[in-house]
Amino acid sequence: MDLHLSNKIVLVVGGAGKKGSIGEIIVRHIVSEGAIPVIIDRNSRGYAVQKELQNSGVDALFIEADVTDPDTCKTAVEAVISKYNRIDILINNVGINDGTSLESSYQEFMDSIRLNLASYFLMTKLALPKLKESKGNIINIGSKVALTGQGGTSGYAAAKGGVLALTREWAVDLIGFGIRVNAVVIAESETPAYQDWLDTFPDPQGVKEQIVSKIPLGKRMTSPEEIANSVLFLASDCSSHTTGQFVFIDGGYVHLDRKLVHDEVRVINGVAEK
């Protein structure tokens, strides 16, 4: 299917993650569709990605920026406009489940909000004039923690709840400009960051197996590729009448009946059998 993304300027905020991260995979998928990725991230590994893509003949740009710093972000967006004079798609993909809990300080809580929520507002506000010109669209990467809670992560949960609220708010605000705004909600995805978290346990594989057993569809984690496919679909004209939606790429983890996470039980002649 042609997603009609060729030569579109796509900003991926948080796109310089480790190999196999959601942001990095989204960037690769953008390239495969012929679009032009602009990576904005605080991690300098983005320079290596830019060089690799350019060496393979792909037009790509990396801008190192701290997305909690308004001045740095303004400079970054100005650099995009200076080079391309266009922004077609904005993908807000910043998220660190930092463990900021009720035991944390007020400052730590606000730092988590700045990174995981305020950065979405900041980048959207800065990109908006060009998005209005292109009648572009915005995809916000969210988390199931916004809806389910997790425990011990007040900052991240509050921020990701805010991301979903802003998705609906912006969809209303921007509908008159033809700008669509949607969110992709992720549950358990096999990323380098997720593996780093698993490795904090004495038995990482045992913890992983316990989690996977609770994912209804296929008893497996969502791959970053599956998430990237859904992001690009929402970014494309193939979803041209979709706005204000939360698309859950989670194998049914959040919404499906809990009985699906247990072994199937059949009743034969009044006797329950597994």
C-alpha atoms as a PDB file:
ATOM      1  CA  MET A   1       0.000   0.000   0.000  1.00  0.00           C
ATOM      2  CA  ASP A   2       1.339   3.417  -0.980  1.00  0.00           C
ATOM      3  CA  LEU A   3       1.032   5.675   2.048  1.00  0.00           C
ATOM      4  CA  HIS A   4       1.732   8.769  -0.087  1.00  0.00           C
ATOM      5  CA  LEU A   5       4.448   9.950   2.295  1.00  0.00           C
ATOM      6  CA  SER A   6       7.132  10.511  -0.335  1.00  0.00           C
ATOM      7  CA  ASN A   7       9.131  13.707   0.335  1.00  0.00           C
ATOM      8  CA  LYS A   8       7.012  14.620   3.372  1.00  0.00           C
ATOM      9  CA  ILE A   9       8.987  16.366   6.112  1.00  0.00           C
ATOM     10  CA  VAL A  10       8.468  14.309   9.259  1.00  0.00           C
ATOM     11  CA  LEU A  11       9.699  15.558  12.635  1.00  0.00           C
ATOM     12  CA  VAL A  12      10.433  12.708  15.023  1.00  0.00           C
ATOM     13  CA  VAL A  13      10.987  14.097  18.500  1.00  0.00           C
ATOM     14  CA  GLY A  14      12.923  11.519  20.493  1.00  0.00           C
ATOM     15  CA  GLY A  15      13.984   9.685  17.353  1.00  0.00           C
ATOM     16  CA  ALA A  16      17.633   9.030  18.290  1.00  0.00           C
ATOM     17  CA  GLY A  17      17.054   6.162  20.668  1.00  0.00           C
ATOM     18  CA  LYS A  18      19.138   3.005  20.781  1.00  0.00           C
ATOM     19  CA  LYS A  19      18.924   0.577  17.883  1.00  0.00           C
ATOM     20  CA  GLY A  20      15.585  -1.174  18.176  1.00  0.00           C
ATOM     21  CA  SER A  21      13.911   1.619  20.114  1.00  0.00           C
ATOM     22  CA  ILE A  22      10.484   2.840  19.011  1.00  0.00           C
ATOM     23  CA  GLY A  23      11.823   6.200  17.806  1.00  0.00           C
ATOM     24  CA  GLU A  24      14.674   4.633  15.856  1.00  0.00           C
ATOM     25  CA  ILE A  25      12.362   2.128  14.173  1.00  0.00           C
ATOM     26  CA  ILE A  26       9.873   4.884  13.288  1.00  0.00           C
ATOM     27  CA  VAL A  27      12.689   6.790  11.579  1.00  0.00           C
ATOM     28  CA  ARG A  28      13.636   3.680   9.548  1.00  0.00           C
ATOM     29  CA  HIS A  29      10.033   3.199   8.471  1.00  0.00           C
ATOM     30  CA  ILE A  30       9.773   6.860   7.460  1.00  0.00           C
ATOM     31  CA  VAL A  31      12.789   6.379   5.205  1.00  0.00           C
ATOM     32  CA  SER A  32      11.317   3.204   3.695  1.00  0.00           C
ATOM     33  CA  GLU A  33       8.246   5.221   2.627  1.00  0.00           C
ATOM     34  CA  GLY A  34      10.349   7.868   0.906  1.00  0.00           C
ATOM     35  CA  ALA A  35       9.667  10.569   3.493  1.00  0.00           C
ATOM     36  CA  ILE A  36      12.360  12.835   4.930  1.00  0.00           C
ATOM     37  CA  PRO A  37      13.079  12.272   8.625  1.00  0.00           C
ATOM     38  CA  VAL A  38      14.071  15.149  10.858  1.00  0.00           C
ATOM     39  CA  ILE A  39      15.255  13.769  14.182  1.00  0.00           C
ATOM     40  CA  ILE A  40      15.180  16.022  17.237  1.00  0.00           C
ATOM     41  CA  ASP A  41      16.755  14.472  20.308  1.00  0.00           C
ATOM     42  CA  ARG A  42      19.119  15.319  23.125  1.00  0.00           C
ATOM     43  CA  ASN A  43      21.286  12.269  22.449  1.00  0.00           C
ATOM     44  CA  SER A  44      24.187  12.859  20.095  1.00  0.00           C
ATOM     45  CA  ARG A  45      23.874   9.348  18.642  1.00  0.00           C
ATOM     46  CA  GLY A  46      21.519  11.010  16.174  1.00  0.00           C
ATOM     47  CA  TYR A  47      24.525  12.343  14.273  1.00  0.00           C
ATOM     48  CA  ALA A  48      25.579   8.780  13.431  1.00  0.00           C
ATOM     49  CA  VAL A  49      22.069   7.993  12.199  1.00  0.00           C
ATOM     50  CA  GLN A  50      22.050  11.139  10.040  1.00  0.00           C
ATOM     51  CA  LYS A  51      25.439  10.246   8.545  1.00  0.00           C
ATOM     52  CA  GLU A  52      24.392   6.658   7.855  1.00  0.00           C
ATOM     53  CA  LEU A  53      21.197   7.737   6.101  1.00  0.00           C
ATOM     54  CA  GLN A  54      22.901  10.463   4.097  1.00  0.00           C
ATOM     55  CA  ASN A  55      25.643   8.038   3.011  1.00  0.00           C
ATOM     56  CA  SER A  56      22.926   5.771   1.628  1.00  0.00           C
ATOM     57  CA  GLY A  57      21.474   8.639  -0.400  1.00  0.00           C
ATOM     58  CA  VAL A  58      18.659   9.579   1.979  1.00  0.00           C
ATOM     59  CA  ASP A  59      17.872  13.198   2.795  1.00  0.00           C
ATOM     60  CA  ALA A  60      17.853  13.300   6.605  1.00  0.00           C
ATOM     61  CA  LEU A  61      18.544  15.823   9.336  1.00  0.00           C
ATOM     62  CA  PHE A  62      19.451  15.457  12.997  1.00  0.00           C
ATOM     63  CA  ILE A  63      19.240  18.355  15.417  1.00  0.00           C
ATOM     64  CA  GLU A  64      20.547  17.913  18.930  1.00  0.00           C
ATOM     65  CA  ALA A  65      18.172  19.610  21.347  1.00  0.00           C
ATOM     66  CA  ASP A  66      16.948  19.315  24.916  1.00  0.00           C
ATOM     67  CA  VAL A  67      13.171  19.221  24.515  1.00  0.00           C
ATOM     68  CA  THR A  68      12.684  20.646  28.005  1.00  0.00           C
ATOM     69  CA  ASP A  69      14.454  23.865  26.946  1.00  0.00           C
ATOM     70  CA  PRO A  70      12.162  26.252  25.023  1.00  0.00           C
ATOM     71  CA  ASP A  71      15.023  28.255  23.515  1.00  0.00           C
ATOM     72  CA  THR A  72      16.829  25.160  22.223  1.00  0.00           C
ATOM     73  CA  CYS A  73      13.613  23.794  20.742  1.00  0.00           C
ATOM     74  CA  LYS A  74      12.856  27.102  19.044  1.00  0.00           C
ATOM     75  CA  THR A  75      16.312  27.082  17.471  1.00  0.00           C
ATOM     76  CA  ALA A  76      15.795  23.477  16.330  1.00  0.00           C
ATOM     77  CA  VAL A  77      12.482  24.175  14.620  1.00  0.00           C
ATOM     78  CA  GLU A  78      13.908  27.295  13.005  1.00  0.00           C
ATOM     79  CA  ALA A  79      16.695  25.127  11.571  1.00  0.00           C
ATOM     80  CA  VAL A  80      14.107  22.764  10.079  1.00  0.00           C
ATOM     81  CA  ILE A  81      12.229  25.656   8.516  1.00  0.00           C
ATOM     82  CA  SER A  82      15.448  27.190   7.231  1.00  0.00           C
ATOM     83  CA  LYS A  83      16.372  23.973   5.409  1.00  0.00           C
ATOM     84  CA  TYR A  84      12.978  22.710   4.226  1.00  0.00           C
ATOM     85  CA  ASN A  85      10.499  25.571   4.804  1.00  0.00           C
ATOM     86  CA  ARG A  86       7.904  22.901   5.508  1.00  0.00           C
ATOM     87  CA  ILE A  87       6.685  20.545   8.214  1.00  0.00           C
ATOM     88  CA  ASP A  88       4.135  17.916   7.218  1.00  0.00           C
ATOM     89  CA  ILE A  89       4.025  15.550  10.183  1.00  0.00           C
ATOM     90  CA  LEU A  90       5.005  15.852  13.840  1.00  0.00           C
ATOM     91  CA  ILE A  91       5.595  12.709  15.877  1.00  0.00           C
ATOM     92  CA  ASN A  92       5.969  13.415  19.590  1.00  0.00           C
ATOM     93  CA  ASN A  93       7.835  10.392  20.891  1.00  0.00           C
ATOM     94  CA  VAL A  94       9.364  11.425  24.208  1.00  0.00           C
ATOM     95  CA  GLY A  95       8.860   9.156  27.170  1.00  0.00           C
ATOM     96  CA  ILE A  96      10.966   8.046  30.109  1.00  0.00           C
ATOM     97  CA  ASN A  97       9.244   6.056  32.826  1.00  0.00           C
ATOM     98  CA  ASP A  98      11.493   7.614  35.419  1.00  0.00           C
ATOM     99  CA  GLY A  99      10.030   6.191  38.625  1.00  0.00           C
ATOM    100  CA  THR A 100       9.046   9.590  39.980  1.00  0.00           C
ATOM    101  CA  SER A 101       6.660   8.543  42.748  1.00  0.00           C
ATOM    102  CA  LEU A 102       4.894   9.988  45.781  1.00  0.00           C
ATOM    103  CA  GLU A 103       8.210   9.519  47.559  1.00  0.00           C
ATOM    104  CA  SER A 104       9.925  11.857  45.093  1.00  0.00           C
ATOM    105  CA  SER A 105      10.334  15.584  45.526  1.00  0.00           C
ATOM    106  CA  TYR A 106       8.072  18.198  43.969  1.00  0.00           C
ATOM    107  CA  GLN A 107      10.965  19.243  41.738  1.00  0.00           C
ATOM    108  CA  GLU A 108      11.453  15.680  40.500  1.00  0.00           C
ATOM    109  CA  PHE A 109       7.731  15.453  39.728  1.00  0.00           C
ATOM    110  CA  MET A 110       7.803  18.707  37.755  1.00  0.00           C
ATOM    111  CA  ASP A 111      10.926  17.581  35.883  1.00  0.00           C
ATOM    112  CA  SER A 112       9.064  14.448  34.814  1.00  0.00           C
ATOM    113  CA  ILE A 113       6.102  16.525  33.636  1.00  0.00           C
ATOM    114  CA  ARG A 114       8.405  18.849  31.693  1.00  0.00           C
ATOM    115  CA  LEU A 115      10.044  15.969  29.866  1.00  0.00           C
ATOM    116  CA  ASN A 116       7.097  13.656  29.290  1.00  0.00           C
ATOM    117  CA  LEU A 117       4.286  16.166  28.707  1.00  0.00           C
ATOM    118  CA  ALA A 118       5.392  19.783  28.384  1.00  0.00           C
ATOM    119  CA  SER A 119       7.792  18.828  25.588  1.00  0.00           C
ATOM    120  CA  TYR A 120       4.778  17.705  23.525  1.00  0.00           C
ATOM    121  CA  PHE A 121       3.127  21.094  24.007  1.00  0.00           C
ATOM    122  CA  LEU A 122       6.335  22.955  23.221  1.00  0.00           C
ATOM    123  CA  MET A 123       7.183  21.093  20.018  1.00  0.00           C
ATOM    124  CA  THR A 124       3.592  21.215  18.786  1.00  0.00           C
ATOM    125  CA  LYS A 125       3.338  24.952  19.411  1.00  0.00           C
ATOM    126  CA  LEU A 126       6.592  25.625  17.561  1.00  0.00           C
ATOM    127  CA  ALA A 127       5.739  23.405  14.582  1.00  0.00           C
ATOM    128  CA  LEU A 128       2.130  24.576  14.337  1.00  0.00           C
ATOM    129  CA  PRO A 129       2.506  27.474  11.865  1.00  0.00           C
ATOM    130  CA  LYS A 130       4.057  25.151   9.280  1.00  0.00           C
ATOM    131  CA  LEU A 131       1.604  22.356  10.067  1.00  0.00           C
ATOM    132  CA  LYS A 132      -1.222  24.788   9.361  1.00  0.00           C
ATOM    133  CA  GLU A 133       0.308  25.603   5.981  1.00  0.00           C
ATOM    134  CA  SER A 134       0.645  21.935   5.039  1.00  0.00           C
ATOM    135  CA  LYS A 135      -2.590  20.793   6.703  1.00  0.00           C
ATOM    136  CA  GLY A 136      -0.357  18.250   8.327  1.00  0.00           C
ATOM    137  CA  ASN A 137      -0.951  15.992  11.253  1.00  0.00           C
ATOM    138  CA  ILE A 138       0.314  15.162  14.720  1.00  0.00           C
ATOM    139  CA  ILE A 139       0.840  11.762  16.316  1.00  0.00           C
ATOM    140  CA  ASN A 140       1.461  11.591  20.051  1.00  0.00           C
ATOM    141  CA  ILE A 141       3.057   8.460  21.481  1.00  0.00           C
ATOM    142  CA  GLY A 142       1.295   7.544  24.706  1.00  0.00           C
ATOM    143  CA  SER A 143       1.358   4.800  27.303  1.00  0.00           C
ATOM    144  CA  LYS A 144      -1.141   2.427  28.885  1.00  0.00           C
ATOM    145  CA  VAL A 145       0.080   3.742  32.257  1.00  0.00           C
ATOM    146  CA  ALA A 146      -2.150   6.782  31.622  1.00  0.00           C
ATOM    147  CA  LEU A 147      -5.173   4.503  31.909  1.00  0.00           C
ATOM    148  CA  THR A 148      -4.126   1.561  34.052  1.00  0.00           C
ATOM    149  CA  GLY A 149      -1.691   3.092  36.512  1.00  0.00           C
ATOM    150  CA  GLN A 150       1.422   1.165  37.427  1.00  0.00           C
ATOM    151  CA  GLY A 151       2.477   2.183  40.894  1.00  0.00           C
ATOM    152  CA  GLY A 152       5.554   4.158  41.819  1.00  0.00           C
ATOM    153  CA  THR A 153       5.468   6.407  38.758  1.00  0.00           C
ATOM    154  CA  SER A 154       3.272   9.420  39.514  1.00  0.00           C
ATOM    155  CA  GLY A 155       5.169  11.754  37.188  1.00  0.00           C
ATOM    156  CA  TYR A 156       5.054   9.517  34.130  1.00  0.00           C
ATOM    157  CA  ALA A 157       1.423   8.483  34.707  1.00  0.00           C
ATOM    158  CA  ALA A 158       0.304  12.102  35.075  1.00  0.00           C
ATOM    159  CA  ALA A 159       2.271  13.149  32.005  1.00  0.00           C
ATOM    160  CA  LYS A 160       0.936  10.387  29.790  1.00  0.00           C
ATOM    161  CA  GLY A 161      -2.597  11.062  30.983  1.00  0.00           C
ATOM    162  CA  GLY A 162      -1.992  14.636  29.901  1.00  0.00           C
ATOM    163  CA  VAL A 163      -0.761  13.471  26.502  1.00  0.00           C
ATOM    164  CA  LEU A 164      -4.074  11.727  25.851  1.00  0.00           C
ATOM    165  CA  ALA A 165      -6.027  14.757  27.053  1.00  0.00           C
ATOM    166  CA  LEU A 166      -4.026  17.075  24.797  1.00  0.00           C
ATOM    167  CA  THR A 167      -4.567  14.747  21.843  1.00  0.00           C
ATOM    168  CA  ARG A 168      -8.328  15.260  22.105  1.00  0.00           C
ATOM    169  CA  GLU A 169      -7.973  18.967  22.923  1.00  0.00           C
ATOM    170  CA  TRP A 170      -5.735  19.638  19.930  1.00  0.00           C
ATOM    171  CA  ALA A 171      -7.951  17.586  17.628  1.00  0.00           C
ATOM    172  CA  VAL A 172     -10.748  20.010  18.504  1.00  0.00           C
ATOM    173  CA  ASP A 173      -8.543  23.106  18.348  1.00  0.00           C
ATOM    174  CA  LEU A 174      -7.049  22.274  14.964  1.00  0.00           C
ATOM    175  CA  ILE A 175      -9.906  20.652  13.087  1.00  0.00           C
ATOM    176  CA  GLY A 176     -10.676  23.944  11.348  1.00  0.00           C
ATOM    177  CA  PHE A 177      -7.164  23.915   9.865  1.00  0.00           C
ATOM    178  CA  GLY A 178      -7.517  20.379   8.517  1.00  0.00           C
ATOM    179  CA  ILE A 179      -4.912  19.122  10.990  1.00  0.00           C
ATOM    180  CA  ARG A 180      -5.509  15.652  12.393  1.00  0.00           C
ATOM    181  CA  VAL A 181      -4.255  14.702  15.868  1.00  0.00           C
ATOM    182  CA  ASN A 182      -4.120  11.129  17.129  1.00  0.00           C
ATOM    183  CA  ALA A 183      -2.341   9.124  19.793  1.00  0.00           C
ATOM    184  CA  VAL A 184      -0.775   5.683  19.694  1.00  0.00           C
ATOM    185  CA  VAL A 185      -0.982   3.968  23.074  1.00  0.00           C
ATOM    186  CA  ILE A 186       1.670   1.386  23.860  1.00  0.00           C
ATOM    187  CA  ALA A 187       1.659  -1.264  26.561  1.00  0.00           C
ATOM    188  CA  GLU A 188       4.431  -3.865  26.624  1.00  0.00           C
ATOM    189  CA  SER A 189       6.919  -3.488  23.764  1.00  0.00           C
ATOM    190  CA  GLU A 190      10.239  -5.244  23.437  1.00  0.00           C
ATOM    191  CA  THR A 191      12.600  -2.277  23.299  1.00  0.00           C
ATOM    192  CA  PRO A 192      16.139  -1.754  24.640  1.00  0.00           C
ATOM    193  CA  ALA A 193      14.732   0.419  27.447  1.00  0.00           C
ATOM    194  CA  TYR A 194      12.265  -2.306  28.396  1.00  0.00           C
ATOM    195  CA  GLN A 195      15.085  -4.851  28.511  1.00  0.00           C
ATOM    196  CA  ASP A 196      17.121  -2.491  30.693  1.00  0.00           C
ATOM    197  CA  TRP A 197      14.171  -2.421  33.115  1.00  0.00           C
ATOM    198  CA  LEU A 198      13.848  -6.208  33.078  1.00  0.00           C
ATOM    199  CA  ASP A 199      17.545  -6.499  33.830  1.00  0.00           C
ATOM    200  CA  THR A 200      17.018  -4.753  37.169  1.00  0.00           C
ATOM    201  CA  PHE A 201      15.316  -7.931  38.457  1.00  0.00           C
ATOM    202  CA  PRO A 202      17.167 -11.013  39.747  1.00  0.00           C
ATOM    203  CA  ASP A 203      15.276 -13.164  37.191  1.00  0.00           C
ATOM    204  CA  PRO A 204      14.631 -11.001  34.092  1.00  0.00           C
ATOM    205  CA  GLN A 205      13.394 -13.886  31.966  1.00  0.00           C
ATOM    206  CA  GLY A 206      10.958 -15.030  34.647  1.00  0.00           C
ATOM    207  CA  VAL A 207       9.526 -11.512  34.980  1.00  0.00           C
ATOM    208  CA  LYS A 208       9.206 -11.243  31.211  1.00  0.00           C
ATOM    209  CA  GLU A 209       7.386 -14.568  30.972  1.00  0.00           C
ATOM    210  CA  GLN A 210       4.965 -13.476  33.679  1.00  0.00           C
ATOM    211  CA  ILE A 211       4.196 -10.241  31.828  1.00  0.00           C
ATOM    212  CA  VAL A 212       3.892 -11.906  28.421  1.00  0.00           C
ATOM    213  CA  SER A 213       1.437 -14.457  29.809  1.00  0.00           C
ATOM    214  CA  LYS A 214      -1.003 -11.591  30.447  1.00  0.00           C
ATOM    215  CA  ILE A 215      -1.020 -10.268  26.867  1.00  0.00           C
ATOM    216  CA  PRO A 216      -4.126 -11.768  25.227  1.00  0.00           C
ATOM    217  CA  LEU A 217      -3.131 -11.762  21.538  1.00  0.00           C
ATOM    218  CA  GLY A 218      -0.367 -14.288  20.953  1.00  0.00           C
ATOM    219  CA  LYS A 219       1.006 -14.082  24.504  1.00  0.00           C
ATOM    220  CA  ARG A 220       3.813 -11.873  23.240  1.00  0.00           C
ATOM    221  CA  MET A 221       5.000  -8.289  23.434  1.00  0.00           C
ATOM    222  CA  THR A 222       4.287  -5.751  20.712  1.00  0.00           C
ATOM    223  CA  SER A 223       7.228  -5.214  18.398  1.00  0.00           C
ATOM    224  CA  PRO A 224       8.503  -1.680  17.705  1.00  0.00           C
ATOM    225  CA  GLU A 225       7.910  -2.442  14.013  1.00  0.00           C
ATOM    226  CA  GLU A 226       4.199  -2.972  14.675  1.00  0.00           C
ATOM    227  CA  ILE A 227       4.057   0.354  16.482  1.00  0.00           C
ATOM    228  CA  ALA A 228       5.896   2.118  13.653  1.00  0.00           C
ATOM    229  CA  ASN A 229       3.508   0.637  11.080  1.00  0.00           C
ATOM    230  CA  SER A 230       0.532   2.063  12.963  1.00  0.00           C
ATOM    231  CA  VAL A 231       2.207   5.450  13.397  1.00  0.00           C
ATOM    232  CA  LEU A 232       2.873   5.725   9.664  1.00  0.00           C
ATOM    233  CA  PHE A 233      -0.678   4.660   8.836  1.00  0.00           C
ATOM    234  CA  LEU A 234      -2.023   7.452  11.057  1.00  0.00           C
ATOM    235  CA  ALA A 235       0.443   9.877   9.493  1.00  0.00           C
ATOM    236  CA  SER A 236      -0.704   9.018   5.995  1.00  0.00           C
ATOM    237  CA  ASP A 237      -3.654   9.903   3.803  1.00  0.00           C
ATOM    238  CA  CYS A 238      -4.875   6.339   4.326  1.00  0.00           C
ATOM    239  CA  SER A 239      -6.310   7.559   7.654  1.00  0.00           C
ATOM    240  CA  SER A 240      -7.481  10.888   6.238  1.00  0.00           C
ATOM    241  CA  HIS A 241     -10.756  10.957   8.231  1.00  0.00           C
ATOM    242  CA  THR A 242      -9.302   9.857  11.573  1.00  0.00           C
ATOM    243  CA  THR A 243      -8.690  12.410  14.313  1.00  0.00           C
ATOM    244  CA  GLY A 244      -8.885  12.600  18.088  1.00  0.00           C
ATOM    245  CA  GLN A 245      -8.373   8.845  18.419  1.00  0.00           C
ATOM    246  CA  PHE A 246      -6.389   6.691  20.822  1.00  0.00           C
ATOM    247  CA  VAL A 247      -5.095   3.696  18.877  1.00  0.00           C
ATOM    248  CA  PHE A 248      -3.976   0.892  21.177  1.00  0.00           C
ATOM    249  CA  ILE A 249      -1.163  -1.233  19.764  1.00  0.00           C
ATOM    250  CA  ASP A 250      -1.033  -3.667  22.660  1.00  0.00           C
ATOM    251  CA  GLY A 251      -2.366  -7.104  21.728  1.00  0.00           C
ATOM    252  CA  GLY A 252      -5.507  -6.424  23.728  1.00  0.00           C
ATOM    253  CA  TYR A 253      -3.593  -5.852  26.953  1.00  0.00           C
ATOM    254  CA  VAL A 254      -5.632  -2.911  28.202  1.00  0.00           C
ATOM    255  CA  HIS A 255      -9.178  -3.653  27.100  1.00  0.00           C
ATOM    256  CA  LEU A 256      -9.866  -7.325  26.569  1.00  0.00           C
ATOM    257  CA  ASP A 257     -11.519  -9.635  29.071  1.00  0.00           C
ATOM    258  CA  ARG A 258      -9.114 -10.810  31.772  1.00  0.00           C
ATOM    259  CA  LYS A 259     -10.213 -14.405  31.296  1.00  0.00           C
ATOM    260  CA  LEU A 260      -8.139 -14.378  28.106  1.00  0.00           C
ATOM    261  CA  VAL A 261      -4.940 -14.291  30.140  1.00  0.00           C
ATOM    262  CA  HIS A 262      -5.706 -17.656  31.727  1.00  0.00           C
ATOM    263  CA  ASP A 263      -5.583 -21.103  30.186  1.00  0.00           C
ATOM    264  CA  GLU A 264      -8.684 -21.822  28.132  1.00  0.00           C
ATOM    265  CA  VAL A 265     -11.242 -23.894  29.995  1.00  0.00           C
ATOM    266  CA  ARG A 266     -13.791 -26.004  28.130  1.00  0.00           C
ATOM    267  CA  VAL A 267     -16.813 -27.612  29.721  1.00  0.00           C
ATOM    268  CA  ILE A 268     -17.529 -31.084  28.348  1.00  0.00           C
ATOM    269  CA  ASN A 269     -20.458 -33.048  29.771  1.00  0.00           C
ATOM    270  CA  GLY A 270     -20.447 -30.788  32.786  1.00  0.00           C
ATOM    271  CA  VAL A 271     -16.745 -31.306  33.461  1.00  0.00           C
ATOM    272  CA  ALA A 272     -14.237 -28.458  33.110  1.00  0.00           C
ATOM    273  CA  GLU A 273     -11.151 -29.418  31.134  1.00  0.00           C
ATOM    274  CA  LYS A 274      -8.102 -27.430  30.163  1.00  0.00           C
END
